[in-house]
C-alpha atoms as a PDB file:
ATOM      1  CA  MET A   1       0.179  -0.185  -0.203  1.00  0.00           C
ATOM      2  CA  ARG A   2       1.117   3.652  -0.912  1.00  0.00           C
ATOM      3  CA  GLU A   3       2.818   5.523   2.234  1.00  0.00           C
ATOM      4  CA  PRO A   4       0.327   8.585   1.914  1.00  0.00           C
ATOM      5  CA  LEU A   5       2.324  11.776   3.387  1.00  0.00           C
ATOM      6  CA  VAL A   6       1.719  13.517   6.219  1.00  0.00           C
ATOM      7  CA  SER A   7       1.578  16.876   7.536  1.00  0.00           C
ATOM      8  CA  ILE A   8       2.773  16.757  11.069  1.00  0.00           C
ATOM      9  CA  ILE A   9       1.676  20.629  11.920  1.00  0.00           C
ATOM     10  CA  THR A  10       3.452  22.565  15.411  1.00  0.00           C
ATOM     11  CA  VAL A  11       3.037  25.640  16.570  1.00  0.00           C
ATOM     12  CA  ASN A  12       5.839  27.945  18.589  1.00  0.00           C
ATOM     13  CA  TYR A  13       5.364  30.570  20.871  1.00  0.00           C
ATOM     14  CA  ASP A  14       8.918  31.442  22.709  1.00  0.00           C
ATOM     15  CA  THR A  15       9.274  28.086  23.036  1.00  0.00           C
ATOM     16  CA  PRO A  16      11.988  27.035  21.044  1.00  0.00           C
ATOM     17  CA  GLU A  17      14.353  24.635  23.053  1.00  0.00           C
ATOM     18  CA  VAL A  18      10.800  22.575  23.524  1.00  0.00           C
ATOM     19  CA  THR A  19       9.818  22.739  20.256  1.00  0.00           C
ATOM     20  CA  ALA A  20      13.400  21.193  19.348  1.00  0.00           C
ATOM     21  CA  ALA A  21      12.779  18.243  21.771  1.00  0.00           C
ATOM     22  CA  MET A  22       9.405  17.143  19.963  1.00  0.00           C
ATOM     23  CA  LEU A  23      11.015  17.818  16.603  1.00  0.00           C
ATOM     24  CA  ARG A  24      14.239  15.431  17.639  1.00  0.00           C
ATOM     25  CA  SER A  25      11.477  12.794  19.251  1.00  0.00           C
ATOM     26  CA  LEU A  26      10.631  11.980  15.433  1.00  0.00           C
ATOM     27  CA  ALA A  27      13.617  10.337  14.928  1.00  0.00           C
ATOM     28  CA  LYS A  28      11.563   7.418  16.846  1.00  0.00           C
ATOM     29  CA  LEU A  29       8.687   7.060  14.219  1.00  0.00           C
ATOM     30  CA  THR A  30       8.859   4.122  12.635  1.00  0.00           C
ATOM     31  CA  TYR A  31       6.790   6.002   9.779  1.00  0.00           C
ATOM     32  CA  PHE A  32       8.841   7.858   7.295  1.00  0.00           C
ATOM     33  CA  ASN A  33       6.778   9.793   4.842  1.00  0.00           C
ATOM     34  CA  TRP A  34       6.081  12.796   6.612  1.00  0.00           C
ATOM     35  CA  GLU A  35       6.991  16.571   6.596  1.00  0.00           C
ATOM     36  CA  VAL A  36       6.825  18.778   9.320  1.00  0.00           C
ATOM     37  CA  ILE A  37       5.745  22.683   9.742  1.00  0.00           C
ATOM     38  CA  VAL A  38       6.837  24.660  12.572  1.00  0.00           C
ATOM     39  CA  VAL A  39       4.346  27.748  12.780  1.00  0.00           C
ATOM     40  CA  ASP A  40       6.602  30.925  14.800  1.00  0.00           C
ATOM     41  CA  ASN A  41       3.275  32.413  16.573  1.00  0.00           C
ATOM     42  CA  SER A  42       5.153  36.102  16.453  1.00  0.00           C
ATOM     43  CA  SER A  43       7.199  35.232  19.123  1.00  0.00           C
ATOM     44  CA  PRO A  44       9.764  37.781  20.051  1.00  0.00           C
ATOM     45  CA  ASN A  45      12.797  38.548  18.237  1.00  0.00           C
ATOM     46  CA  HIS A  46      11.392  35.357  16.393  1.00  0.00           C
ATOM     47  CA  SER A  47      13.379  33.279  18.561  1.00  0.00           C
ATOM     48  CA  SER A  48      12.706  29.531  17.002  1.00  0.00           C
ATOM     49  CA  VAL A  49      13.917  30.369  13.256  1.00  0.00           C
ATOM     50  CA  GLY A  50      17.398  29.129  15.005  1.00  0.00           C
ATOM     51  CA  LEU A  51      15.679  25.902  14.578  1.00  0.00           C
ATOM     52  CA  LYS A  52      16.401  25.338  11.173  1.00  0.00           C
ATOM     53  CA  ASP A  53      20.446  24.942  12.194  1.00  0.00           C
ATOM     54  CA  GLU A  54      19.760  21.463  13.394  1.00  0.00           C
ATOM     55  CA  PHE A  55      16.861  20.956  11.617  1.00  0.00           C
ATOM     56  CA  PRO A  56      16.968  21.752   7.962  1.00  0.00           C
ATOM     57  CA  PHE A  57      14.072  19.783   7.006  1.00  0.00           C
ATOM     58  CA  ILE A  58      11.440  21.822   9.061  1.00  0.00           C
ATOM     59  CA  LYS A  59       9.745  24.293   6.579  1.00  0.00           C
ATOM     60  CA  HIS A  60       9.883  27.305   9.572  1.00  0.00           C
ATOM     61  CA  ILE A  61       6.922  29.835   9.033  1.00  0.00           C
ATOM     62  CA  SER A  62       7.421  33.169  10.743  1.00  0.00           C
ATOM     63  CA  CYS A  63       3.815  34.648  11.114  1.00  0.00           C
ATOM     64  CA  PRO A  64       3.826  38.610  11.658  1.00  0.00           C
ATOM     65  CA  LYS A  65       1.154  38.452  14.322  1.00  0.00           C
ATOM     66  CA  ASN A  66       0.127  35.858  17.191  1.00  0.00           C
ATOM     67  CA  LEU A  67      -3.087  34.382  16.043  1.00  0.00           C
ATOM     68  CA  GLY A  68      -3.239  31.976  18.783  1.00  0.00           C
ATOM     69  CA  PHE A  69      -3.520  28.135  18.388  1.00  0.00           C
ATOM     70  CA  ALA A  70      -5.858  27.741  15.470  1.00  0.00           C
ATOM     71  CA  GLY A  71      -4.851  30.921  13.363  1.00  0.00           C
ATOM     72  CA  GLY A  72      -1.510  28.825  14.148  1.00  0.00           C
ATOM     73  CA  ASN A  73      -2.339  25.775  13.111  1.00  0.00           C
ATOM     74  CA  ASN A  74      -4.248  27.330  10.495  1.00  0.00           C
ATOM     75  CA  ILE A  75      -1.251  28.765   8.667  1.00  0.00           C
ATOM     76  CA  GLY A  76       0.265  26.130   8.960  1.00  0.00           C
ATOM     77  CA  LEU A  77      -2.113  24.165   6.649  1.00  0.00           C
ATOM     78  CA  LYS A  78      -1.178  26.804   3.830  1.00  0.00           C
ATOM     79  CA  PHE A  79       1.641  25.791   3.124  1.00  0.00           C
ATOM     80  CA  ALA A  80       0.779  21.645   4.177  1.00  0.00           C
ATOM     81  CA  LYS A  81       1.083  19.064   1.282  1.00  0.00           C
ATOM     82  CA  GLY A  82       0.345  16.068   2.681  1.00  0.00           C
ATOM     83  CA  GLU A  83      -3.359  13.939   2.182  1.00  0.00           C
ATOM     84  CA  PHE A  84      -3.185  13.868   6.146  1.00  0.00           C
ATOM     85  CA  ALA A  85      -2.738  16.680   8.858  1.00  0.00           C
ATOM     86  CA  PHE A  86      -1.395  15.818  12.522  1.00  0.00           C
ATOM     87  CA  PHE A  87      -1.613  18.813  14.687  1.00  0.00           C
ATOM     88  CA  VAL A  88       0.508  18.313  17.323  1.00  0.00           C
ATOM     89  CA  ASN A  89       1.438  20.585  20.223  1.00  0.00           C
ATOM     90  CA  ASN A  90       5.289  21.444  20.767  1.00  0.00           C
ATOM     91  CA  ASP A  91       5.581  20.324  24.055  1.00  0.00           C
ATOM     92  CA  THR A  92       4.969  16.925  23.501  1.00  0.00           C
ATOM     93  CA  GLU A  93       6.937  13.856  22.388  1.00  0.00           C
ATOM     94  CA  VAL A  94       6.311  11.148  19.996  1.00  0.00           C
ATOM     95  CA  THR A  95       6.077   7.309  20.539  1.00  0.00           C
ATOM     96  CA  PRO A  96       7.270   5.081  17.249  1.00  0.00           C
ATOM     97  CA  ASN A  97       4.074   3.655  16.239  1.00  0.00           C
ATOM     98  CA  LEU A  98       2.254   7.005  16.697  1.00  0.00           C
ATOM     99  CA  ILE A  99       1.659   8.206  13.299  1.00  0.00           C
ATOM    100  CA  THR A 100       1.578   4.443  11.803  1.00  0.00           C
ATOM    101  CA  GLU A 101      -1.229   4.034  13.874  1.00  0.00           C
ATOM    102  CA  LEU A 102      -3.264   7.113  13.827  1.00  0.00           C
ATOM    103  CA  LEU A 103      -2.806   6.562   9.593  1.00  0.00           C
ATOM    104  CA  ALA A 104      -4.019   3.188   9.583  1.00  0.00           C
ATOM    105  CA  HIS A 105      -7.300   3.909  11.637  1.00  0.00           C
ATOM    106  CA  LEU A 106      -8.302   6.488   9.531  1.00  0.00           C
ATOM    107  CA  GLN A 107      -7.770   4.662   6.094  1.00  0.00           C
ATOM    108  CA  GLN A 108      -9.484   1.932   7.635  1.00  0.00           C
ATOM    109  CA  HIS A 109     -12.691   4.220   8.609  1.00  0.00           C
ATOM    110  CA  PRO A 110     -13.738   6.749   6.679  1.00  0.00           C
ATOM    111  CA  GLU A 111     -16.399   7.619   9.256  1.00  0.00           C
ATOM    112  CA  CYS A 112     -13.843   8.995  11.570  1.00  0.00           C
ATOM    113  CA  GLY A 113     -13.195  12.852  10.932  1.00  0.00           C
ATOM    114  CA  ILE A 114     -10.845  13.125  14.055  1.00  0.00           C
ATOM    115  CA  ALA A 115      -8.539  10.910  15.486  1.00  0.00           C
ATOM    116  CA  CYS A 116      -6.623  10.991  18.468  1.00  0.00           C
ATOM    117  CA  PRO A 117      -4.045   8.698  20.608  1.00  0.00           C
ATOM    118  CA  LYS A 118      -3.720   7.925  24.467  1.00  0.00           C
ATOM    119  CA  ILE A 119      -2.057  11.087  26.025  1.00  0.00           C
ATOM    120  CA  LYS A 120       0.436  10.521  28.924  1.00  0.00           C
ATOM    121  CA  TYR A 121       2.166  12.769  31.315  1.00  0.00           C
ATOM    122  CA  HIS A 122       5.716  13.371  30.177  1.00  0.00           C
ATOM    123  CA  TYR A 123       7.275  13.693  33.827  1.00  0.00           C
ATOM    124  CA  MET A 124       5.023  10.750  34.758  1.00  0.00           C
ATOM    125  CA  PRO A 125       5.396   8.779  31.745  1.00  0.00           C
ATOM    126  CA  ASP A 126       3.214   5.826  33.549  1.00  0.00           C
ATOM    127  CA  THR A 127       0.147   8.278  33.966  1.00  0.00           C
ATOM    128  CA  ILE A 128      -2.454   8.787  31.844  1.00  0.00           C
ATOM    129  CA  GLN A 129      -4.158  12.628  30.637  1.00  0.00           C
ATOM    130  CA  TYR A 130      -6.546  11.161  27.959  1.00  0.00           C
ATOM    131  CA  ALA A 131      -8.168   8.155  27.038  1.00  0.00           C
ATOM    132  CA  GLY A 132     -10.711   9.722  25.182  1.00  0.00           C
ATOM    133  CA  ALA A 133     -13.501  12.007  26.585  1.00  0.00           C
ATOM    134  CA  ILE A 134     -17.229  12.089  28.232  1.00  0.00           C
ATOM    135  CA  GLY A 135     -18.653  15.369  26.359  1.00  0.00           C
ATOM    136  CA  LEU A 136     -19.594  18.636  27.500  1.00  0.00           C
ATOM    137  CA  HIS A 137     -22.238  18.595  30.150  1.00  0.00           C
ATOM    138  CA  PRO A 138     -25.475  20.096  28.788  1.00  0.00           C
ATOM    139  CA  LEU A 139     -25.718  22.518  32.448  1.00  0.00           C
ATOM    140  CA  THR A 140     -22.312  23.096  33.337  1.00  0.00           C
ATOM    141  CA  SER A 141     -20.136  22.884  29.935  1.00  0.00           C
ATOM    142  CA  ARG A 142     -17.725  20.789  31.816  1.00  0.00           C
ATOM    143  CA  SER A 143     -16.044  17.500  29.937  1.00  0.00           C
ATOM    144  CA  TYR A 144     -14.473  14.270  31.347  1.00  0.00           C
ATOM    145  CA  ASP A 145     -11.458  13.082  30.041  1.00  0.00           C
ATOM    146  CA  ILE A 146     -11.802   9.324  30.671  1.00  0.00           C
ATOM    147  CA  GLY A 147      -8.412   8.182  32.589  1.00  0.00           C
ATOM    148  CA  TYR A 148      -7.105  10.891  33.770  1.00  0.00           C
ATOM    149  CA  LEU A 149      -4.495  10.513  36.048  1.00  0.00           C
ATOM    150  CA  GLN A 150      -4.934   7.122  36.227  1.00  0.00           C
ATOM    151  CA  LYS A 151      -1.697   4.665  36.118  1.00  0.00           C
ATOM    152  CA  ASP A 152      -1.479   2.852  32.568  1.00  0.00           C
ATOM    153  CA  GLU A 153      -1.814  -0.578  33.176  1.00  0.00           C
ATOM    154  CA  GLY A 154      -3.162  -1.221  29.317  1.00  0.00           C
ATOM    155  CA  GLN A 155      -6.911  -0.535  30.672  1.00  0.00           C
ATOM    156  CA  TYR A 156      -7.348   1.868  28.013  1.00  0.00           C
ATOM    157  CA  ASP A 157      -5.380   0.231  24.920  1.00  0.00           C
ATOM    158  CA  ASP A 158      -8.439   0.336  23.123  1.00  0.00           C
ATOM    159  CA  ILE A 159     -10.033   2.020  19.915  1.00  0.00           C
ATOM    160  CA  ARG A 160     -13.184   3.534  20.233  1.00  0.00           C
ATOM    161  CA  VAL A 161     -15.491   6.406  19.326  1.00  0.00           C
ATOM    162  CA  THR A 162     -15.125   9.203  21.853  1.00  0.00           C
ATOM    163  CA  ASP A 163     -17.154  12.416  22.716  1.00  0.00           C
ATOM    164  CA  LEU A 164     -14.298  14.941  22.110  1.00  0.00           C
ATOM    165  CA  PRO A 165     -10.499  15.299  20.815  1.00  0.00           C
ATOM    166  CA  ASN A 166      -7.831  16.392  22.373  1.00  0.00           C
ATOM    167  CA  GLY A 167      -6.122  19.417  20.583  1.00  0.00           C
ATOM    168  CA  ALA A 168      -2.232  18.383  21.757  1.00  0.00           C
ATOM    169  CA  ALA A 169      -2.068  15.606  18.990  1.00  0.00           C
ATOM    170  CA  MET A 170      -4.857  14.880  16.066  1.00  0.00           C
ATOM    171  CA  MET A 171      -4.780  13.444  12.796  1.00  0.00           C
ATOM    172  CA  ILE A 172      -7.616  14.436  10.345  1.00  0.00           C
ATOM    173  CA  PRO A 173      -7.635  13.671   6.661  1.00  0.00           C
ATOM    174  CA  MET A 174      -7.205  16.934   4.529  1.00  0.00           C
ATOM    175  CA  LYS A 175     -10.132  16.460   2.087  1.00  0.00           C
ATOM    176  CA  LEU A 176     -12.370  16.640   5.478  1.00  0.00           C
ATOM    177  CA  ILE A 177     -11.055  20.390   6.291  1.00  0.00           C
ATOM    178  CA  GLU A 178     -11.459  21.042   3.185  1.00  0.00           C
ATOM    179  CA  LYS A 179     -15.342  19.793   3.374  1.00  0.00           C
ATOM    180  CA  VAL A 180     -15.909  20.955   7.207  1.00  0.00           C
ATOM    181  CA  GLY A 181     -13.518  23.920   7.354  1.00  0.00           C
ATOM    182  CA  GLN A 182     -10.128  25.247   9.179  1.00  0.00           C
ATOM    183  CA  MET A 183     -10.529  25.819  13.358  1.00  0.00           C
ATOM    184  CA  SER A 184     -12.519  28.933  14.350  1.00  0.00           C
ATOM    185  CA  GLU A 185     -10.155  31.435  15.052  1.00  0.00           C
ATOM    186  CA  MET A 186     -12.702  33.426  17.385  1.00  0.00           C
ATOM    187  CA  PHE A 187     -11.568  31.365  20.298  1.00  0.00           C
ATOM    188  CA  PHE A 188      -7.454  32.067  19.793  1.00  0.00           C
ATOM    189  CA  LEU A 189      -6.760  29.814  22.487  1.00  0.00           C
ATOM    190  CA  TYR A 190      -8.978  26.530  24.314  1.00  0.00           C
ATOM    191  CA  TYR A 191     -11.948  25.242  23.610  1.00  0.00           C
ATOM    192  CA  GLU A 192     -11.169  25.931  19.554  1.00  0.00           C
ATOM    193  CA  GLU A 193     -10.689  21.644  18.480  1.00  0.00           C
ATOM    194  CA  LEU A 194     -14.042  21.241  20.786  1.00  0.00           C
ATOM    195  CA  ASP A 195     -15.772  23.593  18.745  1.00  0.00           C
ATOM    196  CA  TRP A 196     -14.113  21.896  15.182  1.00  0.00           C
ATOM    197  CA  ALA A 197     -15.154  18.662  16.711  1.00  0.00           C
ATOM    198  CA  ALA A 198     -18.768  19.795  16.832  1.00  0.00           C
ATOM    199  CA  ARG A 199     -18.809  21.097  13.278  1.00  0.00           C
ATOM    200  CA  PHE A 200     -17.201  17.329  12.182  1.00  0.00           C
ATOM    201  CA  LYS A 201     -19.969  15.883  13.971  1.00  0.00           C
ATOM    202  CA  LYS A 202     -22.524  18.060  11.804  1.00  0.00           C
ATOM    203  CA  ALA A 203     -20.785  17.254   9.244  1.00  0.00           C
ATOM    204  CA  GLY A 204     -21.509  13.391   9.842  1.00  0.00           C
ATOM    205  CA  TYR A 205     -17.705  12.727  11.154  1.00  0.00           C
ATOM    206  CA  GLY A 206     -17.007  11.095  13.954  1.00  0.00           C
ATOM    207  CA  VAL A 207     -14.220  11.365  16.852  1.00  0.00           C
ATOM    208  CA  HIS A 208     -12.319   8.348  17.403  1.00  0.00           C
ATOM    209  CA  TYR A 209      -9.477   7.377  20.320  1.00  0.00           C
ATOM    210  CA  ILE A 210      -7.036   5.357  19.449  1.00  0.00           C
ATOM    211  CA  GLY A 211      -5.301   3.642  22.474  1.00  0.00           C
ATOM    212  CA  THR A 212      -2.808   1.880  20.887  1.00  0.00           C
ATOM    213  CA  ALA A 213      -0.848   4.993  20.049  1.00  0.00           C
ATOM    214  CA  ASN A 214       1.020   6.764  22.563  1.00  0.00           C
ATOM    215  CA  ILE A 215       2.310  10.299  22.720  1.00  0.00           C
ATOM    216  CA  TYR A 216       4.047  11.989  25.976  1.00  0.00           C
ATOM    217  CA  HIS A 217       2.563  15.833  26.966  1.00  0.00           C
ATOM    218  CA  LYS A 218       4.710  18.281  28.644  1.00  0.00           C
ATOM    219  CA  GLU A 219       1.372  20.697  29.415  1.00  0.00           C
ATOM    220  CA  SER A 220       1.035  24.130  29.635  1.00  0.00           C
ATOM    221  CA  VAL A 221       4.621  24.711  29.085  1.00  0.00           C
ATOM    222  CA  SER A 222       3.519  27.952  26.963  1.00  0.00           C
ATOM    223  CA  THR A 223       0.672  29.228  28.491  1.00  0.00           C
ATOM    224  CA  GLY A 224       1.920  29.166  32.675  1.00  0.00           C
ATOM    225  CA  LYS A 225      -0.189  26.702  34.547  1.00  0.00           C
ATOM    226  CA  ASP A 226      -3.573  28.227  36.322  1.00  0.00           C
ATOM    227  CA  SER A 227      -1.972  32.041  34.658  1.00  0.00           C
ATOM    228  CA  PRO A 228      -4.824  34.794  34.704  1.00  0.00           C
ATOM    229  CA  PHE A 229      -3.609  34.898  31.036  1.00  0.00           C
ATOM    230  CA  LYS A 230      -5.378  30.790  30.793  1.00  0.00           C
ATOM    231  CA  THR A 231      -8.063  31.615  33.070  1.00  0.00           C
ATOM    232  CA  TYR A 232      -9.276  34.682  30.743  1.00  0.00           C
ATOM    233  CA  TYR A 233      -9.269  32.406  27.577  1.00  0.00           C
ATOM    234  CA  ILE A 234     -10.822  29.189  29.538  1.00  0.00           C
ATOM    235  CA  TYR A 235     -13.794  31.121  30.503  1.00  0.00           C
ATOM    236  CA  ARG A 236     -14.451  33.543  27.597  1.00  0.00           C
ATOM    237  CA  ASN A 237     -14.134  30.544  25.104  1.00  0.00           C
ATOM    238  CA  ARG A 238     -16.217  28.171  27.234  1.00  0.00           C
ATOM    239  CA  PHE A 239     -18.826  30.891  27.491  1.00  0.00           C
ATOM    240  CA  LEU A 240     -18.473  31.352  23.526  1.00  0.00           C
ATOM    241  CA  TYR A 241     -18.526  27.805  22.868  1.00  0.00           C
ATOM    242  CA  ILE A 242     -22.018  27.381  24.224  1.00  0.00           C
ATOM    243  CA  ARG A 243     -22.775  30.532  22.778  1.00  0.00           C
ATOM    244  CA  ARG A 244     -21.762  28.967  19.009  1.00  0.00           C
ATOM    245  CA  ASN A 245     -23.127  25.223  20.013  1.00  0.00           C
ATOM    246  CA  TYR A 246     -25.854  24.944  21.997  1.00  0.00           C
ATOM    247  CA  THR A 247     -29.583  26.240  21.416  1.00  0.00           C
ATOM    248  CA  GLY A 248     -33.077  26.559  23.002  1.00  0.00           C
ATOM    249  CA  LEU A 249     -33.325  25.324  26.382  1.00  0.00           C
ATOM    250  CA  LYS A 250     -29.911  24.056  26.427  1.00  0.00           C
ATOM    251  CA  TRP A 251     -28.259  27.241  25.623  1.00  0.00           C
ATOM    252  CA  LEU A 252     -30.900  29.041  28.580  1.00  0.00           C
ATOM    253  CA  PHE A 253     -29.871  26.794  30.842  1.00  0.00           C
ATOM    254  CA  ALA A 254     -26.189  26.320  30.313  1.00  0.00           C
ATOM    255  CA  SER A 255     -25.600  30.159  30.043  1.00  0.00           C
ATOM    256  CA  ILE A 256     -27.566  31.021  33.393  1.00  0.00           C
ATOM    257  CA  PHE A 257     -25.441  28.703  34.919  1.00  0.00           C
ATOM    258  CA  PHE A 258     -22.518  30.028  33.327  1.00  0.00           C
ATOM    259  CA  ILE A 259     -22.603  33.668  34.331  1.00  0.00           C
ATOM    260  CA  LEU A 260     -24.483  33.430  37.769  1.00  0.00           C
ATOM    261  CA  VAL A 261     -23.124  30.402  39.370  1.00  0.00           C
ATOM    262  CA  SER A 262     -19.664  28.814  37.863  1.00  0.00           C
ATOM    263  CA  SER A 263     -17.974  32.295  36.926  1.00  0.00           C
ATOM    264  CA  MET A 264     -19.701  33.694  40.572  1.00  0.00           C
ATOM    265  CA  VAL A 265     -18.406  30.842  42.479  1.00  0.00           C
ATOM    266  CA  HIS A 266     -15.110  31.723  40.702  1.00  0.00           C
ATOM    267  CA  LEU A 267     -14.729  35.248  41.140  1.00  0.00           C
ATOM    268  CA  PHE A 268     -15.775  34.612  44.874  1.00  0.00           C
ATOM    269  CA  LYS A 269     -12.887  31.995  45.709  1.00  0.00           C
ATOM    270  CA  HIS A 270     -10.356  33.902  44.028  1.00  0.00           C
ATOM    271  CA  GLY A 271     -11.518  36.801  45.975  1.00  0.00           C
ATOM    272  CA  LEU A 272     -11.178  35.090  49.010  1.00  0.00           C
ATOM    273  CA  LYS A 273      -7.220  34.083  48.250  1.00  0.00           C
ATOM    274  CA  ASN A 274      -6.528  37.608  46.763  1.00  0.00           C
ATOM    275  CA  GLU A 275      -5.749  36.126  43.753  1.00  0.00           C
ATOM    276  CA  TRP A 276      -7.172  39.265  42.179  1.00  0.00           C
ATOM    277  CA  GLN A 277      -5.672  39.190  38.371  1.00  0.00           C
ATOM    278  CA  HIS A 278      -7.475  35.808  37.841  1.00  0.00           C
ATOM    279  CA  ALA A 279     -10.948  37.449  39.000  1.00  0.00           C
ATOM    280  CA  LYS A 280     -10.328  39.849  36.877  1.00  0.00           C
ATOM    281  CA  SER A 281      -9.787  37.585  34.161  1.00  0.00           C
ATOM    282  CA  ILE A 282     -13.141  35.619  34.613  1.00  0.00           C
ATOM    283  CA  TRP A 283     -14.862  39.489  34.473  1.00  0.00           C
ATOM    284  CA  LYS A 284     -12.970  40.508  31.259  1.00  0.00           C
ATOM    285  CA  ALA A 285     -14.220  37.228  29.758  1.00  0.00           C
ATOM    286  CA  LEU A 286     -17.678  38.087  30.241  1.00  0.00           C
ATOM    287  CA  LEU A 287     -17.873  41.362  29.054  1.00  0.00           C
ATOM    288  CA  TRP A 288     -16.162  40.502  25.942  1.00  0.00           C
ATOM    289  CA  ASN A 289     -18.637  38.143  25.763  1.00  0.00           C
ATOM    290  CA  PHE A 290     -21.391  40.476  26.441  1.00  0.00           C
ATOM    291  CA  SER A 291     -19.858  42.836  23.883  1.00  0.00           C
ATOM    292  CA  HIS A 292     -19.722  40.364  20.885  1.00  0.00           C
ATOM    293  CA  ARG A 293     -22.699  39.908  20.287  1.00  0.00           C
ATOM    294  CA  HIS A 294     -21.749  38.181  16.708  1.00  0.00           C
ATOM    295  CA  HIS A 295     -20.831  34.952  17.166  1.00  0.00           C
ATOM    296  CA  LYS A 296     -20.755  33.098  14.350  1.00  0.00           C
ATOM    297  CA  GLU A 297     -18.045  32.605  12.625  1.00  0.00           C
ATOM    298  CA  PRO A 298     -15.882  35.666  10.644  1.00  0.00           C
ATOM    299  CA  VAL A 299     -13.157  35.588   7.736  1.00  0.00           C
ATOM    300  CA  ASN A 300      -9.806  34.141   9.743  1.00  0.00           C
ATOM    301  CA  HIS A 301      -7.937  36.569  10.713  1.00  0.00           C
ATOM    302  CA  SER A 302      -4.953  33.888   9.275  1.00  0.00           C
ATOM    303  CA  SER A 303      -6.170  34.247   5.505  1.00  0.00           C
ATOM    304  CA  THR A 304      -5.138  38.086   5.513  1.00  0.00           C
ATOM    305  CA  PHE A 305      -1.346  37.291   6.184  1.00  0.00           C
ATOM    306  CA  THR A 306      -1.212  34.985   3.311  1.00  0.00           C
ATOM    307  CA  GLY A 307       1.207  37.797   1.710  1.00  0.00           C
ATOM    308  CA  LYS A 308       3.074  38.670   5.167  1.00  0.00           C
ATOM    309  CA  ILE A 309       4.571  35.432   5.813  1.00  0.00           C
ATOM    310  CA  LYS A 310       8.043  34.505   5.927  1.00  0.00           C
ATOM    311  CA  ILE A 311       8.861  30.774   4.898  1.00  0.00           C
ATOM    312  CA  ASP A 312      12.400  29.702   5.628  1.00  0.00           C
ATOM    313  CA  LEU A 313      13.552  26.759   3.728  1.00  0.00           C
ATOM    314  CA  ILE A 314      17.053  26.487   4.240  1.00  0.00           C
ATOM    315  CA  PRO A 315      19.533  26.657   7.461  1.00  0.00           C
ATOM    316  CA  THR A 316      20.114  30.075   8.900  1.00  0.00           C
ATOM    317  CA  ILE A 317      23.523  31.472   9.245  1.00  0.00           C
END
């Protein structure tokens, strides 16, 4: 069987040493027909351009503006030549059969739109982060990752349909991206892959968990754990997801719960702990949603930068 080209797309923001570790791990892969696209999301001083010295095989794209996770990956798609796109966080490291297992499943199951591997913690390699997910609760809009913090003893080495993908690692046929469209850049960071999965499902394609494929995740290297920046986008985008994907009574009850219960409780908790920057982030997230009534898809910002993007195809000197 002919081996199709897989485009590995990753986004870097001022963590070139982390991205380098991920690129080095690609040498472990037993699948060889791939290309790598590294999108520098307007890092200070374009700090990742030096990666081409060690990794001359990459396509390094310098974006003139930070477009977030969705926008950065959408930029990468513009230069991808593969039949399949593998979106992978720069703070991960691959295992030998990762591409082989995901690709084989997608080829054998045309009803699968997004294929995700088992994700384990890099610094706790026997501990699971993601083994599929239970979908967003209709009231709280919170999801639950199957296997979270459990020891990996092979209990999730199965393959199955699951509710939600994990954006740290997901493979998608390029022809389906052309059909469904790219990720929404309204989200910037967090919830964009969940919104994308909802669109795939509406088009008739499922999300599948492939427990025979593994990847290790360092998690939150670029955004920082529990930072006000992270708090803002999680709260802003959870409400944005509700507005874009819920209708009728489900939309009404979820919106009321989010505004009057979830947000207020966490505002109070952060206030008690004198975490005023986090409280301010939640308030700003609410105000953003109240001031942005139009939540349907605008023109993606990445499309406006096509002529301004710098592509480094040869090693730097």
